[in-house]
Amino acid sequence: MKKRAFPFRNKSTPRTRALKEAIVACLTRSSTAQQLEGYSPADWESVLWWLDISGTALYFFDRAQQLNVQDVIAPHVDEALMRRLQRNQIRIRSLHQEAATLASWFHGGRVAYAILKGETLTPDSVPNSSLRTQTDIDVLVARQNLTLAIHYVHRLGYKLYAKSGNTLEFRAGAPSLPDLNNIYSVHTQRALEVHLLADCNHESNLLTRRVSRSISGDDFETLSPPDILVQQALHLLKHLCGEHTRLSWVFEFWRHVQARRNDVHFWQQAQSIAHQEKNGNLAMGMAFWIATRMFGDIDLAEFPQWREDALPPRVRLWLERYVLDLLMSDTTGSKLYALLRVEIPCRPDELRSTNKILFPHYLPARLTTPTPNESARDQWERLKVERDFFLRRLHFHVTEGIRFGIEVARWKKALIRCGQ
């Protein structure tokens, strides 16, 4: 087993944060060439890790080419970004082909479905799907079609790996070692998630409102454009209530809003859909708050339910204190979300106590599985991977648990100062 191509944490320089902020500005403004000048190769090297884990590496590379400012990027970093793009183009083509095959089978079997995220975000949220970091295929399926849908998923070579709530995760291919390089490459193991509609009439409308689209020459059923926007906000909220949130999800939401800003009918539908979804208006309000802070003003005069002053005060305080630093951080996880979860109404199947967040009651899931006729050497290497992963998770729980313990006292004082 070869050595990983990427470290699990990057070394920052005194100017790393300033360069990150210049990169964020570059994503949305045209007059930022000077902001990217004057950084050393070490500065540029230090942001590669963050570009990868935030999902913005290829968005930034594409934007730099549009602005013709590649000459200010350290040459070896520019070359590394080019290699990422080349690998990701192959990866996205492979994912597209597999999704197209599954869609064709679903259509023939009359399975009610909709492909989620991925290529369906093009062109409103993503100018080119090869720029997006996509790790798997997501598909929404009507519960009554589940058995047939699983048959077709198995036919693609996938096997059930895990089930969580209304989501079934399938895996195919031989397991590969955790490596950041794999997010841009067609690696040996693939993942596919089947999301089931809950038994609620308003959620069933997601499939009732679905539309047929031709993407790269193949036909797919996708969510309606207003549904896609609201689901982007709900997806962001879900991850804000978890260990890690990608900046790219905020950027994609912001681009979608900008693309539809003059479409009155679109916004009428989006308001109706958000009102029907549990936490829909809250998710939209939080997504607008973050997108505005990161990428620029959004006119919300016609949407008072999504304005900053409509957010619950404690939720707004959490956003003000933590979210921007979390999005700009080099860490891949935090426990500060436990403070937010207390403020977000959730379904019974989503309940998880703060104690379980701070002190997990179970071991992390295995990353690898033994292969038939596994040699002693391969077994030793595989066990080393599991050991390293366990130690990293242990380190995360200890360090983030201590950080949470310190921050919770500050949080309580902040609530008192704000009269909460």
Protein backbone atom coordinates (compact mmCIF):
# COMPACT_ATOMS: atom_id res chain seq x y z
CA MET A 1 0.00 0.00 0.00
CA LYS A 2 1.50 3.26 -1.10
CA LYS A 3 1.96 6.36 0.96
CA ARG A 4 -0.85 8.90 0.86
CA ALA A 5 -0.40 11.80 -1.52
CA PHE A 6 -1.79 14.35 0.95
CA PRO A 7 -1.31 15.08 4.65
CA PHE A 8 -4.34 14.98 6.93
CA ARG A 9 -3.70 18.53 8.08
CA ASN A 10 -1.91 21.41 6.45
CA LYS A 11 0.73 23.78 7.83
CA SER A 12 -0.42 27.38 7.81
CA THR A 13 1.70 30.47 7.33
CA PRO A 14 1.07 33.94 8.81
CA ARG A 15 -0.61 34.95 5.53
CA THR A 16 -2.72 31.84 4.95
CA ARG A 17 -5.97 33.42 6.18
CA ALA A 18 -5.44 36.56 4.06
CA LEU A 19 -4.86 34.43 0.96
CA LYS A 20 -8.02 32.42 1.66
CA GLU A 21 -10.01 35.64 1.89
CA ALA A 22 -8.52 36.85 -1.41
CA ILE A 23 -9.50 33.54 -3.04
CA VAL A 24 -13.09 33.86 -1.79
CA ALA A 25 -13.23 37.40 -3.18
CA CYS A 26 -11.84 36.15 -6.48
CA LEU A 27 -14.75 33.72 -6.85
CA THR A 28 -17.30 36.49 -7.12
CA ARG A 29 -15.54 39.72 -8.13
CA SER A 30 -13.56 40.59 -11.25
CA SER A 31 -11.21 43.25 -9.85
CA THR A 32 -9.19 41.05 -7.50
CA ALA A 33 -5.98 40.31 -9.41
CA GLN A 34 -3.97 42.58 -7.12
CA GLN A 35 -5.41 40.87 -4.04
CA LEU A 36 -3.80 37.61 -5.14
CA GLU A 37 -0.35 39.14 -5.67
CA GLY A 38 2.58 39.07 -3.29
CA TYR A 39 2.06 35.65 -1.73
CA SER A 40 4.96 33.24 -1.39
CA PRO A 41 5.02 29.64 -2.67
CA ALA A 42 4.66 28.53 0.96
CA ASP A 43 1.50 30.63 1.29
CA TRP A 44 0.02 29.04 -1.82
CA GLU A 45 1.04 25.58 -0.68
CA SER A 46 -0.67 26.21 2.66
CA VAL A 47 -4.09 26.83 1.09
CA LEU A 48 -4.18 23.71 -1.09
CA TRP A 49 -5.49 21.57 1.76
CA TRP A 50 -8.27 24.07 2.49
CA LEU A 51 -9.16 24.40 -1.21
CA ASP A 52 -9.59 20.63 -1.36
CA ILE A 53 -11.60 20.08 1.82
CA SER A 54 -13.78 23.14 1.14
CA GLY A 55 -14.63 21.90 -2.38
CA THR A 56 -13.51 25.18 -3.98
CA ALA A 57 -10.20 24.13 -5.57
CA LEU A 58 -11.54 23.73 -9.11
CA TYR A 59 -13.94 26.67 -8.83
CA PHE A 60 -10.99 28.89 -7.95
CA PHE A 61 -8.79 27.42 -10.70
CA ASP A 62 -11.52 28.06 -13.28
CA ARG A 63 -12.03 31.60 -12.02
CA ALA A 64 -8.28 32.31 -12.10
CA GLN A 65 -8.20 31.21 -15.75
CA GLN A 66 -11.15 33.49 -16.57
CA LEU A 67 -9.35 36.44 -14.96
CA ASN A 68 -6.01 35.40 -16.51
CA VAL A 69 -4.22 35.63 -13.17
CA GLN A 70 -2.51 32.22 -13.15
CA ASP A 71 0.86 33.97 -13.19
CA VAL A 72 0.38 35.15 -9.59
CA ILE A 73 -0.21 31.57 -8.39
CA ALA A 74 2.87 29.60 -7.41
CA PRO A 75 3.73 27.46 -10.49
CA HIS A 76 3.70 24.13 -8.67
CA VAL A 77 0.29 24.94 -7.14
CA ASP A 78 -1.09 25.96 -10.54
CA GLU A 79 0.14 22.65 -11.97
CA ALA A 80 -1.38 20.74 -9.04
CA LEU A 81 -4.76 22.39 -9.65
CA MET A 82 -4.55 21.53 -13.36
CA ARG A 83 -3.93 17.88 -12.50
CA ARG A 84 -6.92 17.91 -10.18
CA LEU A 85 -9.12 19.26 -12.96
CA GLN A 86 -7.92 16.67 -15.46
CA ARG A 87 -8.58 13.82 -13.03
CA ASN A 88 -11.94 15.22 -12.00
CA GLN A 89 -13.10 15.48 -15.61
CA ILE A 90 -12.58 11.73 -15.98
CA ARG A 91 -14.27 11.06 -12.66
CA ILE A 92 -17.36 13.12 -13.49
CA ARG A 93 -17.71 11.40 -16.88
CA SER A 94 -17.63 8.04 -15.12
CA LEU A 95 -20.25 9.11 -12.56
CA HIS A 96 -22.41 10.49 -15.37
CA GLN A 97 -22.30 7.24 -17.31
CA GLU A 98 -23.28 5.22 -14.25
CA ALA A 99 -26.11 7.61 -13.32
CA ALA A 100 -27.37 7.55 -16.93
CA THR A 101 -27.46 3.74 -16.91
CA LEU A 102 -29.39 3.69 -13.64
CA ALA A 103 -31.81 6.36 -14.89
CA SER A 104 -32.47 4.34 -18.03
CA TRP A 105 -33.28 1.23 -15.99
CA PHE A 106 -35.48 3.20 -13.60
CA HIS A 107 -37.37 4.64 -16.56
CA GLY A 108 -37.88 1.21 -18.09
CA GLY A 109 -39.05 -0.20 -14.76
CA ARG A 110 -41.32 2.79 -14.08
CA VAL A 111 -39.53 3.63 -10.85
CA ALA A 112 -40.46 7.10 -9.60
CA TYR A 113 -37.11 8.77 -8.95
CA ALA A 114 -35.09 11.97 -9.17
CA ILE A 115 -31.32 12.33 -9.38
CA LEU A 116 -30.11 14.67 -6.62
CA LYS A 117 -27.25 17.19 -6.60
CA GLY A 118 -24.32 16.36 -8.89
CA GLU A 119 -24.90 17.31 -12.51
CA THR A 120 -28.44 18.48 -11.79
CA LEU A 121 -26.94 21.66 -10.26
CA THR A 122 -25.68 22.71 -13.70
CA PRO A 123 -25.91 25.43 -14.96
CA ASP A 124 -27.58 27.52 -12.21
CA SER A 125 -25.27 26.54 -9.33
CA VAL A 126 -22.33 25.05 -11.21
CA PRO A 127 -21.06 26.43 -14.55
CA ASN A 128 -19.50 23.09 -15.48
CA SER A 129 -20.09 19.83 -13.60
CA SER A 130 -16.40 18.87 -13.94
CA LEU A 131 -15.60 21.70 -11.51
CA ARG A 132 -17.69 20.21 -8.72
CA THR A 133 -16.34 17.88 -6.05
CA GLN A 134 -18.72 14.91 -6.20
CA THR A 135 -18.01 11.79 -4.19
CA ASP A 136 -21.06 9.67 -4.99
CA ILE A 137 -24.40 9.40 -6.77
CA ASP A 138 -27.55 10.42 -4.90
CA VAL A 139 -31.01 9.39 -6.02
CA LEU A 140 -34.43 10.04 -4.48
CA VAL A 141 -36.87 7.13 -4.80
CA ALA A 142 -40.53 6.67 -3.90
CA ARG A 143 -40.88 4.22 -1.05
CA GLN A 144 -43.26 1.96 -2.99
CA ASN A 145 -40.57 1.49 -5.67
CA LEU A 146 -37.77 0.64 -3.23
CA THR A 147 -37.55 -3.10 -3.96
CA LEU A 148 -37.24 -2.60 -7.72
CA ALA A 149 -34.85 0.33 -7.24
CA ILE A 150 -32.55 -1.83 -5.09
CA HIS A 151 -32.67 -4.52 -7.78
CA TYR A 152 -31.31 -2.06 -10.34
CA VAL A 153 -28.70 -0.73 -7.89
CA HIS A 154 -27.50 -4.29 -7.31
CA ARG A 155 -27.43 -4.80 -11.06
CA LEU A 156 -24.85 -1.99 -11.26
CA GLY A 157 -22.64 -3.99 -8.89
CA TYR A 158 -23.48 -2.20 -5.64
CA LYS A 159 -24.11 -3.84 -2.28
CA LEU A 160 -25.81 -2.37 0.77
CA TYR A 161 -23.21 -0.89 3.11
CA ALA A 162 -25.20 1.03 5.73
CA LYS A 163 -28.66 2.38 6.51
CA SER A 164 -29.39 5.59 8.38
CA GLY A 165 -32.94 6.84 8.70
CA ASN A 166 -34.37 7.18 5.19
CA THR A 167 -30.98 6.81 3.48
CA LEU A 168 -29.48 3.58 2.18
CA GLU A 169 -25.78 3.69 1.30
CA PHE A 170 -24.39 1.24 -1.24
CA ARG A 171 -20.77 0.53 -2.13
CA ALA A 172 -19.17 -1.15 -5.14
CA GLY A 173 -15.62 -2.11 -6.04
CA ALA A 174 -12.62 -2.88 -3.88
CA PRO A 175 -12.05 -0.62 -0.85
CA SER A 176 -9.32 1.99 -1.18
CA LEU A 177 -7.28 3.74 1.46
CA PRO A 178 -8.49 7.15 2.61
CA ASP A 179 -6.69 9.62 0.41
CA LEU A 180 -7.69 13.17 -0.45
CA ASN A 181 -6.37 12.50 -3.95
CA ASN A 182 -9.28 10.12 -4.49
CA ILE A 183 -11.91 12.86 -4.47
CA TYR A 184 -10.70 13.87 -7.94
CA SER A 185 -9.98 10.42 -9.33
CA VAL A 186 -11.87 7.38 -10.52
CA HIS A 187 -10.80 5.13 -7.69
CA THR A 188 -11.60 1.52 -6.99
CA GLN A 189 -14.56 1.97 -4.64
CA ARG A 190 -17.76 3.79 -5.59
CA ALA A 191 -20.66 4.94 -3.48
CA LEU A 192 -24.36 5.42 -4.22
CA GLU A 193 -27.06 6.68 -1.84
CA VAL A 194 -30.76 5.95 -2.17
CA HIS A 195 -32.90 8.48 -0.33
CA LEU A 196 -36.46 7.45 0.48
CA LEU A 197 -39.36 9.83 0.72
CA ALA A 198 -40.89 9.96 4.17
CA ASP A 199 -44.58 9.14 4.41
CA CYS A 200 -45.66 12.77 4.21
CA ASN A 201 -47.79 14.26 1.45
CA HIS A 202 -45.71 17.43 1.09
CA GLU A 203 -42.51 15.41 0.70
CA SER A 204 -44.16 13.21 -1.96
CA ASN A 205 -44.66 16.42 -3.92
CA LEU A 206 -40.89 16.47 -4.51
CA LEU A 207 -41.39 13.69 -7.05
CA THR A 208 -44.71 15.06 -8.27
CA ARG A 209 -42.95 18.30 -9.22
CA ARG A 210 -39.90 16.62 -10.77
CA VAL A 211 -38.89 17.54 -14.32
CA SER A 212 -37.26 15.68 -17.19
CA ARG A 213 -33.92 17.06 -18.36
CA SER A 214 -31.31 16.17 -20.93
CA ILE A 215 -27.82 16.39 -19.41
CA SER A 216 -24.79 15.73 -21.63
CA GLY A 217 -27.02 13.88 -24.07
CA ASP A 218 -28.76 11.60 -21.55
CA ASP A 219 -32.25 11.89 -20.06
CA PHE A 220 -32.75 12.24 -16.31
CA GLU A 221 -35.56 12.96 -13.89
CA THR A 222 -34.50 15.76 -11.54
CA LEU A 223 -36.07 17.95 -8.89
CA SER A 224 -37.70 21.15 -10.09
CA PRO A 225 -35.40 24.21 -9.97
CA PRO A 226 -37.16 25.75 -6.90
CA ASP A 227 -36.97 22.38 -5.13
CA ILE A 228 -33.26 22.17 -5.90
CA LEU A 229 -32.64 25.55 -4.26
CA VAL A 230 -34.60 24.70 -1.11
CA GLN A 231 -32.92 21.29 -0.89
CA GLN A 232 -29.52 23.01 -1.17
CA ALA A 233 -30.42 25.11 1.86
CA LEU A 234 -31.68 22.07 3.78
CA HIS A 235 -28.53 20.13 2.86
CA LEU A 236 -26.42 23.01 4.17
CA LEU A 237 -28.43 23.10 7.40
CA LYS A 238 -27.97 19.35 7.82
CA HIS A 239 -24.20 19.72 7.62
CA LEU A 240 -24.12 22.80 9.84
CA CYS A 241 -25.64 20.45 12.42
CA GLY A 242 -22.75 18.03 11.80
CA GLU A 243 -18.97 17.92 11.99
CA HIS A 244 -18.05 19.52 8.65
CA THR A 245 -19.57 21.97 6.17
CA ARG A 246 -18.07 22.73 2.76
CA LEU A 247 -17.73 26.31 1.58
CA SER A 248 -18.55 25.10 -1.95
CA TRP A 249 -22.13 24.32 -0.87
CA VAL A 250 -22.57 27.96 0.16
CA PHE A 251 -21.03 29.15 -3.11
CA GLU A 252 -23.31 26.91 -5.16
CA PHE A 253 -26.36 28.22 -3.29
CA TRP A 254 -25.23 31.83 -3.86
CA ARG A 255 -24.73 31.21 -7.60
CA HIS A 256 -28.19 29.63 -7.86
CA VAL A 257 -29.76 32.67 -6.19
CA GLN A 258 -27.91 35.02 -8.53
CA ALA A 259 -28.94 33.02 -11.60
CA ARG A 260 -32.64 33.20 -10.65
CA ARG A 261 -32.77 36.66 -9.08
CA ASN A 262 -35.16 38.07 -11.75
CA ASP A 263 -37.40 34.99 -12.07
CA VAL A 264 -40.57 36.01 -10.20
CA HIS A 265 -42.38 32.69 -10.77
CA PHE A 266 -39.34 30.76 -9.48
CA TRP A 267 -39.31 32.71 -6.21
CA GLN A 268 -43.04 32.30 -5.70
CA GLN A 269 -42.60 28.54 -5.96
CA ALA A 270 -39.50 28.54 -3.75
CA GLN A 271 -41.35 30.42 -0.99
CA SER A 272 -44.25 27.96 -1.12
CA ILE A 273 -41.92 24.94 -1.03
CA ALA A 274 -39.78 26.31 1.83
CA HIS A 275 -42.95 26.95 3.85
CA GLN A 276 -44.02 23.31 3.41
CA GLU A 277 -40.63 21.79 4.31
CA LYS A 278 -39.77 21.23 7.96
CA ASN A 279 -37.17 23.90 8.83
CA GLY A 280 -37.42 25.09 5.22
CA ASN A 281 -37.64 28.81 6.00
CA LEU A 282 -35.01 28.49 8.73
CA ALA A 283 -32.63 26.72 6.33
CA MET A 284 -33.19 29.35 3.64
CA GLY A 285 -32.64 32.18 6.10
CA MET A 286 -29.39 30.65 7.37
CA ALA A 287 -28.17 29.92 3.83
CA PHE A 288 -28.87 33.52 2.78
CA TRP A 289 -27.09 34.85 5.89
CA ILE A 290 -23.93 32.82 5.22
CA ALA A 291 -23.93 33.37 1.45
CA THR A 292 -24.26 37.12 1.93
CA ARG A 293 -21.38 37.25 4.40
CA MET A 294 -19.10 35.13 2.23
CA PHE A 295 -19.92 36.19 -1.33
CA GLY A 296 -21.84 39.45 -1.39
CA ASP A 297 -25.19 41.09 -0.82
CA ILE A 298 -28.45 39.46 -1.85
CA ASP A 299 -31.59 41.60 -2.03
CA LEU A 300 -34.13 40.04 0.35
CA ALA A 301 -36.61 42.93 0.39
CA GLU A 302 -39.35 40.68 -1.03
CA PHE A 303 -38.55 37.77 1.31
CA PRO A 304 -38.93 39.02 4.91
CA GLN A 305 -39.12 35.43 6.23
CA TRP A 306 -35.54 34.84 5.07
CA ARG A 307 -33.97 38.08 6.28
CA GLU A 308 -31.46 38.23 9.11
CA ASP A 309 -33.95 39.71 11.56
CA ALA A 310 -36.27 36.72 11.01
CA LEU A 311 -33.68 34.23 12.27
CA PRO A 312 -34.08 33.04 15.87
CA PRO A 313 -31.71 35.22 17.95
CA ARG A 314 -29.72 32.28 19.33
CA VAL A 315 -29.27 30.79 15.84
CA ARG A 316 -28.09 34.15 14.53
CA LEU A 317 -25.67 34.46 17.44
CA TRP A 318 -24.21 31.02 16.64
CA LEU A 319 -23.74 32.03 13.02
CA GLU A 320 -22.07 35.29 13.99
CA ARG A 321 -19.66 33.62 16.43
CA TYR A 322 -18.67 30.46 14.59
CA VAL A 323 -19.73 29.77 11.03
CA LEU A 324 -17.32 31.97 9.06
CA ASP A 325 -14.29 30.67 10.96
CA LEU A 326 -15.48 27.09 10.49
CA LEU A 327 -15.79 27.57 6.73
CA MET A 328 -12.29 29.09 6.53
CA SER A 329 -10.70 26.54 8.82
CA ASP A 330 -8.16 23.87 7.87
CA THR A 331 -9.82 21.36 10.19
CA THR A 332 -12.17 18.74 8.80
CA GLY A 333 -14.42 18.65 11.85
CA SER A 334 -15.70 20.49 14.91
CA LYS A 335 -18.07 19.80 17.79
CA LEU A 336 -19.38 23.36 17.99
CA TYR A 337 -22.39 22.21 16.01
CA ALA A 338 -23.71 20.68 19.25
CA LEU A 339 -24.56 24.22 20.38
CA LEU A 340 -26.59 24.79 17.19
CA ARG A 341 -28.44 21.47 17.29
CA VAL A 342 -30.08 22.50 20.55
CA GLU A 343 -31.70 25.42 18.71
CA ILE A 344 -32.90 23.50 15.61
CA PRO A 345 -36.22 21.60 15.76
CA CYS A 346 -35.66 18.09 14.43
CA ARG A 347 -37.54 14.87 13.84
CA PRO A 348 -37.40 12.13 16.53
CA ASP A 349 -35.13 9.99 14.31
CA GLU A 350 -32.63 12.87 14.18
CA LEU A 351 -32.34 13.33 17.94
CA ARG A 352 -28.86 12.91 19.34
CA SER A 353 -27.85 14.06 22.78
CA THR A 354 -24.93 16.41 23.36
CA ASN A 355 -23.31 13.75 25.53
CA LYS A 356 -23.29 11.30 22.62
CA ILE A 357 -21.76 13.98 20.38
CA LEU A 358 -19.00 14.67 22.90
CA PHE A 359 -18.50 11.06 24.01
CA PRO A 360 -19.42 8.57 21.23
CA HIS A 361 -20.74 5.27 22.51
CA TYR A 362 -19.41 3.25 19.61
CA LEU A 363 -16.23 2.72 17.61
CA PRO A 364 -15.85 4.37 14.18
CA ALA A 365 -16.97 2.32 11.19
CA ARG A 366 -14.25 0.28 9.53
CA LEU A 367 -12.59 1.84 6.50
CA THR A 368 -11.42 -1.41 4.95
CA THR A 369 -12.61 -4.98 4.64
CA PRO A 370 -10.48 -8.12 4.32
CA THR A 371 -10.19 -9.57 0.83
CA PRO A 372 -10.30 -13.27 -0.05
CA ASN A 373 -6.91 -14.94 0.41
CA GLU A 374 -5.52 -11.79 2.04
CA SER A 375 -1.80 -12.11 2.69
CA ALA A 376 -0.28 -11.44 6.08
CA ARG A 377 1.45 -8.33 4.69
CA ASP A 378 -1.79 -6.90 3.28
CA GLN A 379 -3.59 -7.67 6.50
CA TRP A 380 -0.90 -5.85 8.49
CA GLU A 381 -1.13 -2.82 6.19
CA ARG A 382 -4.90 -2.80 6.43
CA LEU A 383 -4.83 -2.97 10.22
CA LYS A 384 -2.36 -0.08 10.30
CA VAL A 385 -4.85 2.01 8.30
CA GLU A 386 -7.60 1.14 10.78
CA ARG A 387 -5.30 1.94 13.71
CA ASP A 388 -4.32 5.31 12.24
CA PHE A 389 -7.94 6.18 11.58
CA PHE A 390 -8.95 5.21 15.12
CA LEU A 391 -6.17 7.35 16.60
CA ARG A 392 -7.16 10.32 14.43
CA ARG A 393 -10.78 10.02 15.55
CA LEU A 394 -9.66 9.68 19.16
CA HIS A 395 -7.51 12.79 18.80
CA PHE A 396 -10.47 14.62 17.24
CA HIS A 397 -12.84 13.69 20.05
CA VAL A 398 -10.35 14.66 22.76
CA THR A 399 -9.18 17.97 21.27
CA GLU A 400 -12.60 19.07 20.03
CA GLY A 401 -14.18 17.94 23.29
CA ILE A 402 -11.79 20.18 25.23
CA ARG A 403 -12.44 23.04 22.79
CA PHE A 404 -16.18 22.56 23.18
CA GLY A 405 -15.89 22.56 26.98
CA ILE A 406 -14.06 25.89 26.87
CA GLU A 407 -16.39 27.40 24.29
CA VAL A 408 -19.63 26.38 26.00
CA ALA A 409 -18.76 28.66 28.95
CA ARG A 410 -18.15 31.54 26.53
CA TRP A 411 -21.38 30.72 24.71
CA LYS A 412 -23.39 30.96 27.93
CA LYS A 413 -21.84 34.33 28.73
CA ALA A 414 -22.62 35.55 25.20
CA LEU A 415 -26.26 34.50 25.63
CA ILE A 416 -26.47 36.43 28.90
CA ARG A 417 -24.98 39.56 27.30
CA CYS A 418 -27.52 39.32 24.47
CA GLY A 419 -30.39 38.80 26.91
CA GLN A 420 -31.07 35.25 25.79
